[in-house]
Amino acid sequence: MATHFTNKTCYTMIYRQYIKPNLQLIQIMTVSIIVMIFSIKTQLLGQFPVHFSITQQFLSDIAPSAIFICALLGVGHYLVNQKLNYSLSTSKLKLNQKIFGLTFLLGCSNLLLFIRTERLKLTQRDRYMILLLGLSSAGGISCISLSALGIPVYQLLLASLVLPSAILILSIPFSIGKSSQPAHYTDDSIHSESSPKRLSEYLMQYLVGASKLTANKAITIIFFETIKDSAYKFNIDWSYLTYYPHLLLKNLGLSSQAVDVIIQAWIAKTLANREAALIDVTNAGIYDELSLVQQMLILSLLINIASVSAFIVIGLNILALFGKQAMPYLRILPIAFVIVNLVPILPVIVYALFVHY
């Protein structure tokens, strides 16, 4: 009994002295090593084993670029805040314009982190705008890591602007005559914490976020691949759910094979994430067969981050970042999620019914 107590005490001391102070560094190194192993394995073997092939392709092709871009974002945030002495409170732009720019650059999770660092108190309409633009984003400029799949960078950047722009335009009637000037938080738990000052602290903050994001996306893609394989084994009939999307996409002038692939990718994006969806589309070899307009419509439909997995992860991020101030965001998160998933369908409907037809 005494030996067991001594071992437990020893483990506790090791955790407190060595592991806990370096926990963030351990997270970064663990994810980086895993990504490096898959990248080297892909270069040596040149192909992916059958099981969890999409997960392996994500870790080897997309994750390295995404982590590197997050590191660059950390450097950029440091330069803007420390060298240029810029903050949201000093900018003369309207809040929705500021959030639009930050959404394009940072993506939803880093946008929330930026808002948290700036210690802003927002109205309910402002919180709606943050969540709508955040969920409609393509994950910030890190979305260009998807170019590893063969998608042109200019298309990725254009598609990443389409949905946030539509959200911003649709919100104009609700913002006329209303002011949304941000103020500083009065919550002591938030106001008492200082933002990072050194470049190393910014890099650590963004690399920890990149490692968590990579791990979360890999887990959700694994889950999706498992569910997809199970669904095929049980021969589930999805026709009653896919009938109208099938007709809509056929009206775009797509082939039957392309329609089937895109519908499966659409389901993958909604349940898992956009990486799984776009990997499916590009691996099927149909993307290059589409016209430029069709490519942009499909890409705009699939590139935003609003998936079930993102809904859960962003909810947890809000809890972790905002603490007592999280509930005003969490209450409106489901509504924002539904809106962001419905708006991208509108251009597809308009083009299919009125332009192409």
Protein backbone atom coordinates (compact mmCIF):
# COMPACT_ATOMS: atom_id res chain seq x y z
CA MET A 1 0.00 0.00 0.00
CA ALA A 2 2.85 2.34 0.91
CA THR A 3 4.63 1.49 -2.36
CA HIS A 4 1.50 2.33 -4.36
CA PHE A 5 1.19 5.67 -2.55
CA THR A 6 4.86 6.44 -3.19
CA ASN A 7 4.52 5.68 -6.94
CA LYS A 8 1.43 7.85 -7.18
CA THR A 9 3.24 10.71 -5.44
CA CYS A 10 6.22 10.29 -7.77
CA TYR A 11 4.01 10.41 -10.89
CA THR A 12 2.26 13.50 -9.53
CA MET A 13 5.59 15.26 -8.96
CA ILE A 14 6.82 14.35 -12.45
CA TYR A 15 3.60 15.71 -13.97
CA ARG A 16 3.77 18.97 -12.02
CA GLN A 17 7.50 19.58 -12.55
CA TYR A 18 8.05 18.41 -16.14
CA ILE A 19 4.81 17.75 -18.03
CA LYS A 20 2.40 20.48 -16.92
CA PRO A 21 4.81 23.43 -17.52
CA ASN A 22 5.59 22.07 -21.02
CA LEU A 23 2.12 20.77 -21.92
CA GLN A 24 1.64 23.18 -24.83
CA LEU A 25 5.04 22.33 -26.28
CA ILE A 26 4.26 18.61 -25.94
CA GLN A 27 0.99 19.12 -27.84
CA ILE A 28 2.77 20.94 -30.67
CA MET A 29 5.58 18.37 -30.90
CA THR A 30 3.21 15.38 -30.82
CA VAL A 31 1.04 16.65 -33.68
CA SER A 32 4.07 17.84 -35.67
CA ILE A 33 5.77 14.43 -35.37
CA ILE A 34 2.61 12.62 -36.50
CA VAL A 35 2.22 14.95 -39.49
CA MET A 36 5.91 14.55 -40.38
CA ILE A 37 5.67 10.74 -40.23
CA PHE A 38 2.70 10.69 -42.60
CA SER A 39 4.38 13.16 -44.99
CA ILE A 40 7.57 11.09 -45.16
CA LYS A 41 5.58 7.89 -45.51
CA THR A 42 3.65 9.35 -48.44
CA GLN A 43 6.81 10.51 -50.19
CA LEU A 44 8.41 7.07 -49.81
CA LEU A 45 5.40 4.90 -50.66
CA GLY A 46 3.56 7.27 -53.03
CA GLN A 47 0.13 5.88 -52.15
CA PHE A 48 -2.24 5.47 -49.24
CA PRO A 49 -3.41 2.17 -47.74
CA VAL A 50 -7.12 1.46 -48.17
CA HIS A 51 -8.13 1.97 -44.55
CA PHE A 52 -8.60 5.64 -43.51
CA SER A 53 -7.04 6.88 -46.73
CA ILE A 54 -8.71 10.32 -46.50
CA THR A 55 -7.35 10.83 -42.98
CA GLN A 56 -3.86 9.90 -44.14
CA GLN A 57 -4.09 12.24 -47.11
CA PHE A 58 -5.23 15.08 -44.84
CA LEU A 59 -2.30 14.55 -42.45
CA SER A 60 0.30 14.26 -45.20
CA ASP A 61 -0.89 16.84 -47.77
CA ILE A 62 -2.99 19.49 -46.01
CA ALA A 63 -1.94 19.55 -42.35
CA PRO A 64 1.73 20.60 -42.90
CA SER A 65 0.72 23.68 -44.91
CA ALA A 66 -2.04 24.56 -42.43
CA ILE A 67 0.35 24.44 -39.45
CA PHE A 68 2.92 26.58 -41.27
CA ILE A 69 0.28 29.16 -42.20
CA CYS A 70 -0.92 29.34 -38.59
CA ALA A 71 2.66 30.13 -37.55
CA LEU A 72 2.71 32.97 -40.09
CA LEU A 73 -0.59 34.25 -38.69
CA GLY A 74 0.98 34.35 -35.24
CA VAL A 75 3.86 36.46 -36.57
CA GLY A 76 1.39 38.75 -38.35
CA HIS A 77 -0.70 39.19 -35.20
CA TYR A 78 2.43 40.10 -33.24
CA LEU A 79 3.52 42.68 -35.82
CA VAL A 80 0.07 44.26 -36.03
CA ASN A 81 -0.49 44.50 -32.28
CA GLN A 82 3.01 45.28 -31.08
CA LYS A 83 4.85 47.00 -33.93
CA LEU A 84 1.96 48.85 -35.60
CA ASN A 85 0.02 49.46 -32.35
CA TYR A 86 -3.30 48.60 -34.00
CA SER A 87 -6.44 47.25 -32.34
CA LEU A 88 -10.15 47.02 -33.11
CA SER A 89 -10.88 49.85 -30.68
CA THR A 90 -8.57 52.26 -32.53
CA SER A 91 -9.88 51.43 -36.01
CA LYS A 92 -12.43 53.77 -37.59
CA LEU A 93 -14.07 51.02 -39.65
CA LYS A 94 -17.48 49.65 -38.70
CA LEU A 95 -17.36 46.49 -36.64
CA ASN A 96 -18.85 44.27 -39.37
CA GLN A 97 -16.16 45.49 -41.79
CA LYS A 98 -13.43 44.73 -39.25
CA ILE A 99 -14.87 41.27 -38.57
CA PHE A 100 -15.17 40.58 -42.30
CA GLY A 101 -11.46 41.29 -42.81
CA LEU A 102 -10.45 39.27 -39.77
CA THR A 103 -12.65 36.37 -40.88
CA PHE A 104 -10.90 36.23 -44.24
CA LEU A 105 -7.46 36.32 -42.63
CA LEU A 106 -7.93 34.26 -39.47
CA GLY A 107 -10.95 31.97 -39.75
CA CYS A 108 -13.49 31.34 -36.99
CA SER A 109 -11.39 29.93 -34.14
CA ASN A 110 -8.59 32.47 -34.55
CA LEU A 111 -11.21 35.20 -34.97
CA LEU A 112 -12.70 34.28 -31.59
CA LEU A 113 -9.19 34.21 -30.13
CA PHE A 114 -8.53 37.69 -31.56
CA ILE A 115 -11.81 39.04 -30.13
CA ARG A 116 -10.95 37.48 -26.77
CA THR A 117 -7.47 39.05 -26.83
CA GLU A 118 -8.90 42.48 -27.67
CA ARG A 119 -11.29 42.16 -24.66
CA LEU A 120 -14.35 43.58 -26.41
CA LYS A 121 -17.90 43.73 -25.14
CA LEU A 122 -20.39 43.29 -27.98
CA THR A 123 -24.10 43.68 -28.53
CA GLN A 124 -26.23 40.68 -29.45
CA ARG A 125 -26.31 41.79 -33.09
CA ASP A 126 -22.51 42.03 -33.08
CA ARG A 127 -22.24 38.50 -31.67
CA TYR A 128 -24.57 37.24 -34.42
CA MET A 129 -22.33 38.88 -37.00
CA ILE A 130 -19.19 37.35 -35.49
CA LEU A 131 -20.67 33.83 -35.48
CA LEU A 132 -22.25 34.15 -38.93
CA LEU A 133 -19.07 35.43 -40.54
CA GLY A 134 -16.92 33.05 -38.51
CA LEU A 135 -18.90 29.93 -39.44
CA SER A 136 -19.17 31.04 -43.07
CA SER A 137 -15.40 31.42 -43.35
CA ALA A 138 -13.09 29.01 -45.15
CA GLY A 139 -10.83 28.81 -42.11
CA GLY A 140 -8.87 31.97 -42.88
CA ILE A 141 -6.04 32.15 -45.39
CA SER A 142 -5.00 28.71 -44.13
CA CYS A 143 -7.58 27.48 -46.67
CA ILE A 144 -4.86 27.84 -49.33
CA SER A 145 -3.38 24.64 -47.87
CA LEU A 146 -6.17 22.94 -49.84
CA SER A 147 -4.27 23.82 -53.01
CA ALA A 148 -2.29 20.64 -52.25
CA LEU A 149 -5.34 18.85 -53.67
CA GLY A 150 -4.86 20.57 -57.05
CA ILE A 151 -7.44 23.33 -56.55
CA PRO A 152 -6.10 26.69 -57.87
CA VAL A 153 -5.23 29.16 -55.11
CA TYR A 154 -7.19 32.01 -56.73
CA GLN A 155 -10.35 29.87 -56.66
CA LEU A 156 -9.83 29.08 -52.97
CA LEU A 157 -9.37 32.76 -52.11
CA LEU A 158 -12.41 33.84 -54.17
CA ALA A 159 -14.61 31.11 -52.70
CA SER A 160 -13.51 32.08 -49.20
CA LEU A 161 -14.92 35.57 -49.84
CA VAL A 162 -18.25 34.55 -51.39
CA LEU A 163 -20.23 33.35 -48.37
CA PRO A 164 -19.01 35.98 -45.87
CA SER A 165 -19.80 38.64 -48.49
CA ALA A 166 -23.32 37.23 -48.94
CA ILE A 167 -23.84 37.19 -45.15
CA LEU A 168 -22.64 40.80 -44.95
CA ILE A 169 -24.98 41.90 -47.76
CA LEU A 170 -27.98 40.09 -46.26
CA SER A 171 -27.30 41.75 -42.91
CA ILE A 172 -27.41 45.32 -44.31
CA PRO A 173 -31.20 45.82 -43.80
CA PHE A 174 -30.83 44.81 -40.14
CA SER A 175 -27.89 47.15 -39.48
CA ILE A 176 -29.28 50.40 -40.91
CA GLY A 177 -29.52 53.05 -38.24
CA LYS A 178 -27.88 50.93 -35.56
CA SER A 179 -24.53 51.56 -33.96
CA SER A 180 -22.23 48.78 -32.87
CA GLN A 181 -19.20 50.45 -31.35
CA PRO A 182 -17.33 47.96 -29.17
CA ALA A 183 -16.42 48.64 -25.55
CA HIS A 184 -13.97 47.00 -23.18
CA TYR A 185 -15.03 44.02 -21.12
CA THR A 186 -15.94 44.64 -17.51
CA ASP A 187 -15.60 40.97 -16.59
CA ASP A 188 -12.65 40.68 -14.18
CA SER A 189 -11.72 37.14 -15.25
CA ILE A 190 -11.10 38.40 -18.78
CA HIS A 191 -9.85 41.91 -18.13
CA SER A 192 -7.22 40.80 -15.64
CA GLU A 193 -5.38 38.60 -18.13
CA SER A 194 -2.76 40.31 -20.29
CA SER A 195 -2.36 39.57 -23.97
CA PRO A 196 0.91 38.07 -25.26
CA LYS A 197 3.78 40.56 -25.60
CA ARG A 198 6.66 38.57 -27.07
CA LEU A 199 6.86 37.00 -30.51
CA SER A 200 7.51 33.58 -28.94
CA GLU A 201 4.25 33.86 -26.99
CA TYR A 202 2.28 34.66 -30.14
CA LEU A 203 3.90 31.75 -31.99
CA MET A 204 3.19 29.38 -29.11
CA GLN A 205 -0.44 30.52 -28.96
CA TYR A 206 -1.04 30.01 -32.67
CA LEU A 207 0.90 26.75 -32.92
CA VAL A 208 -1.07 25.29 -30.01
CA GLY A 209 -4.23 26.30 -31.85
CA ALA A 210 -2.92 24.72 -35.06
CA SER A 211 -2.09 21.45 -33.28
CA LYS A 212 -5.53 21.27 -31.67
CA LEU A 213 -7.22 22.11 -34.97
CA THR A 214 -5.21 19.44 -36.81
CA ALA A 215 -6.01 16.83 -34.17
CA ASN A 216 -9.71 17.70 -34.12
CA LYS A 217 -10.01 17.57 -37.90
CA ALA A 218 -8.14 14.27 -38.12
CA ILE A 219 -10.44 12.76 -35.49
CA THR A 220 -13.58 13.97 -37.25
CA ILE A 221 -12.36 12.65 -40.62
CA ILE A 222 -11.64 9.26 -39.01
CA PHE A 223 -15.15 9.29 -37.54
CA PHE A 224 -16.65 10.17 -40.92
CA GLU A 225 -14.73 7.43 -42.72
CA THR A 226 -15.89 4.89 -40.13
CA ILE A 227 -19.51 5.99 -40.41
CA LYS A 228 -19.34 6.03 -44.21
CA ASP A 229 -18.00 2.47 -44.36
CA SER A 230 -20.70 1.31 -41.91
CA ALA A 231 -23.40 3.02 -43.96
CA TYR A 232 -22.25 1.21 -47.11
CA LYS A 233 -22.28 -2.14 -45.28
CA PHE A 234 -25.85 -1.64 -44.06
CA ASN A 235 -27.03 -0.47 -47.52
CA ILE A 236 -28.91 2.52 -46.10
CA ASP A 237 -31.21 4.19 -48.64
CA TRP A 238 -30.44 7.93 -48.66
CA SER A 239 -32.53 8.67 -51.75
CA TYR A 240 -35.31 10.40 -49.83
CA LEU A 241 -32.75 12.92 -48.54
CA THR A 242 -30.75 13.35 -51.75
CA TYR A 243 -33.60 13.43 -54.31
CA TYR A 244 -33.97 17.22 -54.54
CA PRO A 245 -30.23 17.99 -54.25
CA HIS A 246 -29.70 15.46 -57.06
CA LEU A 247 -32.21 17.28 -59.29
CA LEU A 248 -30.72 20.66 -58.41
CA LEU A 249 -27.18 19.61 -59.29
CA LYS A 250 -28.33 17.91 -62.49
CA ASN A 251 -29.81 21.28 -63.52
CA LEU A 252 -26.31 22.72 -63.24
CA GLY A 253 -25.37 20.56 -66.21
CA LEU A 254 -23.32 18.04 -64.21
CA SER A 255 -22.93 14.40 -65.15
CA SER A 256 -24.58 11.69 -63.05
CA GLN A 257 -21.18 10.62 -61.70
CA ALA A 258 -20.30 14.19 -60.71
CA VAL A 259 -23.68 14.66 -59.02
CA ASP A 260 -23.26 11.49 -56.95
CA VAL A 261 -19.75 12.49 -55.88
CA ILE A 262 -20.76 16.05 -54.95
CA ILE A 263 -23.81 14.92 -52.96
CA GLN A 264 -21.64 12.50 -50.97
CA ALA A 265 -19.11 15.28 -50.46
CA TRP A 266 -21.89 17.63 -49.34
CA ILE A 267 -22.95 15.11 -46.69
CA ALA A 268 -19.29 14.66 -45.69
CA LYS A 269 -18.82 18.41 -45.33
CA THR A 270 -21.98 18.81 -43.22
CA LEU A 271 -21.18 15.91 -40.90
CA ALA A 272 -17.36 15.92 -40.76
CA ASN A 273 -15.54 18.86 -42.36
CA ARG A 274 -14.76 20.48 -45.70
CA GLU A 275 -11.36 18.72 -46.00
CA ALA A 276 -13.05 15.32 -46.19
CA ALA A 277 -15.50 16.69 -48.77
CA LEU A 278 -12.91 18.31 -51.05
CA ILE A 279 -10.59 15.31 -50.84
CA ASP A 280 -13.47 13.14 -52.04
CA VAL A 281 -14.26 15.51 -54.94
CA THR A 282 -10.68 15.86 -56.16
CA ASN A 283 -9.88 12.16 -55.76
CA ALA A 284 -12.91 11.29 -57.90
CA GLY A 285 -11.33 13.23 -60.80
CA ILE A 286 -14.46 15.26 -61.59
CA TYR A 287 -13.28 18.71 -60.51
CA ASP A 288 -11.24 19.46 -63.63
CA GLU A 289 -14.19 18.39 -65.82
CA LEU A 290 -16.41 21.17 -64.44
CA SER A 291 -16.67 24.63 -65.99
CA LEU A 292 -15.24 27.58 -64.05
CA VAL A 293 -18.72 28.68 -62.92
CA GLN A 294 -19.57 25.14 -61.79
CA GLN A 295 -16.25 24.87 -59.95
CA MET A 296 -16.85 28.13 -58.08
CA LEU A 297 -20.42 27.16 -57.16
CA ILE A 298 -19.40 23.74 -55.83
CA LEU A 299 -16.32 25.11 -54.09
CA SER A 300 -18.35 27.88 -52.43
CA LEU A 301 -20.85 25.26 -51.32
CA LEU A 302 -18.22 23.04 -49.71
CA ILE A 303 -15.44 25.33 -48.49
CA ASN A 304 -17.06 26.95 -45.45
CA ILE A 305 -16.34 25.36 -42.08
CA ALA A 306 -19.94 25.00 -40.86
CA SER A 307 -20.12 21.27 -40.09
CA VAL A 308 -21.46 19.29 -37.15
CA SER A 309 -17.92 18.68 -35.91
CA ALA A 310 -17.04 22.40 -36.25
CA PHE A 311 -20.24 23.27 -34.37
CA ILE A 312 -19.08 21.14 -31.43
CA VAL A 313 -15.45 22.30 -31.54
CA ILE A 314 -16.36 26.01 -31.83
CA GLY A 315 -18.81 25.65 -28.94
CA LEU A 316 -16.02 24.18 -26.80
CA ASN A 317 -13.64 26.93 -27.96
CA ILE A 318 -16.16 29.59 -26.94
CA LEU A 319 -16.49 28.02 -23.49
CA ALA A 320 -12.71 27.88 -23.09
CA LEU A 321 -12.08 31.42 -24.34
CA PHE A 322 -14.93 33.44 -22.85
CA GLY A 323 -15.77 31.65 -19.60
CA LYS A 324 -18.69 33.47 -17.94
CA GLN A 325 -19.26 35.48 -21.12
CA ALA A 326 -19.77 32.33 -23.25
CA MET A 327 -23.56 31.89 -22.91
CA PRO A 328 -24.58 34.88 -25.11
CA TYR A 329 -22.54 33.25 -27.91
CA LEU A 330 -23.69 29.68 -27.25
CA ARG A 331 -27.39 30.63 -27.28
CA ILE A 332 -27.21 31.95 -30.83
CA LEU A 333 -24.68 29.42 -32.18
CA PRO A 334 -27.36 26.93 -33.45
CA ILE A 335 -29.23 29.66 -35.34
CA ALA A 336 -26.03 30.94 -36.95
CA PHE A 337 -25.10 27.36 -37.90
CA VAL A 338 -28.41 26.76 -39.70
CA ILE A 339 -28.26 30.10 -41.57
CA VAL A 340 -24.69 29.51 -42.76
CA ASN A 341 -25.63 26.07 -44.12
CA LEU A 342 -28.66 27.41 -46.00
CA VAL A 343 -27.21 30.58 -47.59
CA PRO A 344 -24.63 28.78 -49.87
CA ILE A 345 -27.47 26.84 -51.49
CA LEU A 346 -29.09 30.04 -52.82
CA PRO A 347 -26.59 30.78 -55.65
CA VAL A 348 -26.76 27.14 -56.75
CA ILE A 349 -30.58 27.34 -56.91
CA VAL A 350 -30.53 30.66 -58.77
CA TYR A 351 -27.99 29.45 -61.34
CA ALA A 352 -29.66 26.04 -61.80
CA LEU A 353 -33.22 27.37 -62.20
CA PHE A 354 -32.78 30.74 -63.89
CA VAL A 355 -29.38 30.96 -65.58
CA HIS A 356 -28.31 27.52 -66.78
CA TYR A 357 -31.86 26.32 -67.42
